[in-house]
Structure formats: structure tokens, C-alpha cells
Amino acid sequence: MATVRTRYELCEDMAQMLAEQAATALFKSGGSEREVLAKMEQALGAEGAVLEPREARWVVTRLAEILGWEPPADPSAGG
């Protein structure tokens, strides 16, 4: 249980820390919220990253929630 709590806290902290960076990236890129979240998820879950791919997905979903953005599409939803 301690490991789960530690990983949760890492992911929550990561989402909180990335909120300002994501908002800035959206402003500078002129792209969409979805594009910013996809790029962040790709970077967070890249090989050698601290987070596992499923954790990266959770972080960007939480990040969208913090920012009031549309959450990323669930890849398991098939569409």
C-alpha cells in the first residue's frame, strides 16, 4: 500500500506542477488542448521516464481536470 500511495503522490504532484506549463504551451503553440495533453503524455511516458505509460495517462487526465480542459480520449474505448 505504501508503494501505491507514493506513486499516487508522485503523479498528483506531477499534474499540479505541469498545469502552468501546459497552459503556457497551449498559448504559445496556438494548438488545441488535446494536442498539448497528447504531447505531454508522450513525454511523460517515454522510455526512460520516471512514470509508467499508465501513470502518464493518469497525469494528463488529472491535468485536464485541473485546467478545466476536455480529458484525453480513452484509447481502450476504441474510438
C-alpha atoms as a PDB file:
ATOM      1  CA  MET A   1       0.000   0.000   0.000  1.00  0.00           C
ATOM      2  CA  ALA A   2       2.891   2.358   0.716  1.00  0.00           C
ATOM      3  CA  THR A   3       4.125   1.962  -2.868  1.00  0.00           C
ATOM      4  CA  VAL A   4       0.696   2.792  -4.271  1.00  0.00           C
ATOM      5  CA  ARG A   5       0.476   5.885  -2.069  1.00  0.00           C
ATOM      6  CA  THR A   6       3.965   7.015  -3.102  1.00  0.00           C
ATOM      7  CA  ARG A   7       3.210   6.577  -6.819  1.00  0.00           C
ATOM      8  CA  TYR A   8      -0.135   8.384  -6.437  1.00  0.00           C
ATOM      9  CA  GLU A   9       1.544  11.316  -4.712  1.00  0.00           C
ATOM     10  CA  LEU A  10       4.216  11.457  -7.428  1.00  0.00           C
ATOM     11  CA  CYS A  11       1.559  11.531 -10.153  1.00  0.00           C
ATOM     12  CA  GLU A  12      -0.603  14.123  -8.366  1.00  0.00           C
ATOM     13  CA  ASP A  13       2.419  16.348  -7.761  1.00  0.00           C
ATOM     14  CA  MET A  14       3.420  15.991 -11.407  1.00  0.00           C
ATOM     15  CA  ALA A  15      -0.058  17.022 -12.600  1.00  0.00           C
ATOM     16  CA  GLN A  16      -0.076  20.050 -10.286  1.00  0.00           C
ATOM     17  CA  MET A  17       3.409  21.116 -11.379  1.00  0.00           C
ATOM     18  CA  LEU A  18       2.600  20.778 -15.074  1.00  0.00           C
ATOM     19  CA  ALA A  19      -0.590  22.870 -15.013  1.00  0.00           C
ATOM     20  CA  GLU A  20       1.119  26.192 -15.642  1.00  0.00           C
ATOM     21  CA  GLN A  21       3.461  24.669 -18.217  1.00  0.00           C
ATOM     22  CA  ALA A  22       0.526  23.148 -20.109  1.00  0.00           C
ATOM     23  CA  ALA A  23      -1.399  26.422 -20.135  1.00  0.00           C
ATOM     24  CA  THR A  24       1.685  28.232 -21.410  1.00  0.00           C
ATOM     25  CA  ALA A  25       2.278  25.582 -24.080  1.00  0.00           C
ATOM     26  CA  LEU A  26      -1.314  25.972 -25.283  1.00  0.00           C
ATOM     27  CA  PHE A  27      -0.938  29.737 -25.510  1.00  0.00           C
ATOM     28  CA  LYS A  28       2.417  29.613 -27.308  1.00  0.00           C
ATOM     29  CA  SER A  29       1.573  26.803 -29.710  1.00  0.00           C
ATOM     30  CA  GLY A  30      -1.817  28.054 -30.791  1.00  0.00           C
ATOM     31  CA  GLY A  31      -2.781  24.375 -30.984  1.00  0.00           C
ATOM     32  CA  SER A  32      -5.523  22.563 -29.166  1.00  0.00           C
ATOM     33  CA  GLU A  33      -5.766  21.406 -25.573  1.00  0.00           C
ATOM     34  CA  ARG A  34      -5.877  17.835 -26.845  1.00  0.00           C
ATOM     35  CA  GLU A  35      -2.583  18.305 -28.732  1.00  0.00           C
ATOM     36  CA  VAL A  36      -0.871  19.738 -25.661  1.00  0.00           C
ATOM     37  CA  LEU A  37      -2.092  16.852 -23.500  1.00  0.00           C
ATOM     38  CA  ALA A  38      -1.005  14.276 -26.102  1.00  0.00           C
ATOM     39  CA  LYS A  39       2.497  15.735 -26.276  1.00  0.00           C
ATOM     40  CA  MET A  40       2.767  15.816 -22.502  1.00  0.00           C
ATOM     41  CA  GLU A  41       1.594  12.228 -22.223  1.00  0.00           C
ATOM     42  CA  GLN A  42       4.116  11.158 -24.844  1.00  0.00           C
ATOM     43  CA  ALA A  43       6.944  12.885 -22.975  1.00  0.00           C
ATOM     44  CA  LEU A  44       5.852  11.616 -19.557  1.00  0.00           C
ATOM     45  CA  GLY A  45       5.591   8.008 -20.712  1.00  0.00           C
ATOM     46  CA  ALA A  46       8.668   7.912 -22.933  1.00  0.00           C
ATOM     47  CA  GLU A  47      11.247   5.205 -22.486  1.00  0.00           C
ATOM     48  CA  GLY A  48      13.461   6.003 -19.528  1.00  0.00           C
ATOM     49  CA  ALA A  49      10.890   8.348 -17.960  1.00  0.00           C
ATOM     50  CA  VAL A  50      10.043   8.213 -14.267  1.00  0.00           C
ATOM     51  CA  LEU A  51       6.398   7.366 -14.965  1.00  0.00           C
ATOM     52  CA  GLU A  52       4.925   4.214 -16.438  1.00  0.00           C
ATOM     53  CA  PRO A  53       2.681   4.788 -19.502  1.00  0.00           C
ATOM     54  CA  ARG A  54      -0.484   4.178 -17.440  1.00  0.00           C
ATOM     55  CA  GLU A  55       0.698   6.701 -14.873  1.00  0.00           C
ATOM     56  CA  ALA A  56       1.404   9.214 -17.646  1.00  0.00           C
ATOM     57  CA  ARG A  57      -2.185   8.721 -18.849  1.00  0.00           C
ATOM     58  CA  TRP A  58      -3.466   9.367 -15.320  1.00  0.00           C
ATOM     59  CA  VAL A  59      -1.333  12.509 -15.012  1.00  0.00           C
ATOM     60  CA  VAL A  60      -2.636  14.071 -18.227  1.00  0.00           C
ATOM     61  CA  THR A  61      -6.210  13.144 -17.318  1.00  0.00           C
ATOM     62  CA  ARG A  62      -5.729  14.817 -13.927  1.00  0.00           C
ATOM     63  CA  LEU A  63      -4.006  17.750 -15.619  1.00  0.00           C
ATOM     64  CA  ALA A  64      -7.031  18.248 -17.867  1.00  0.00           C
ATOM     65  CA  GLU A  65      -9.257  18.178 -14.793  1.00  0.00           C
ATOM     66  CA  ILE A  66      -7.125  20.803 -13.026  1.00  0.00           C
ATOM     67  CA  LEU A  67      -7.202  23.090 -16.060  1.00  0.00           C
ATOM     68  CA  GLY A  68     -10.872  22.514 -16.873  1.00  0.00           C
ATOM     69  CA  TRP A  69      -9.963  21.025 -20.254  1.00  0.00           C
ATOM     70  CA  GLU A  70     -11.625  18.139 -22.051  1.00  0.00           C
ATOM     71  CA  PRO A  71      -9.952  14.949 -20.825  1.00  0.00           C
ATOM     72  CA  PRO A  72      -7.964  12.951 -23.367  1.00  0.00           C
ATOM     73  CA  ALA A  73      -9.811  10.199 -25.206  1.00  0.00           C
ATOM     74  CA  ASP A  74      -9.591   6.770 -23.613  1.00  0.00           C
ATOM     75  CA  PRO A  75      -7.610   4.586 -26.036  1.00  0.00           C
ATOM     76  CA  SER A  76      -9.400   1.487 -24.759  1.00  0.00           C
ATOM     77  CA  ALA A  77     -12.748   2.979 -25.798  1.00  0.00           C
ATOM     78  CA  GLY A  78     -11.958   2.125 -29.417  1.00  0.00           C
ATOM     79  CA  GLY A  79     -12.728   5.410 -30.976  1.00  0.00           C
END
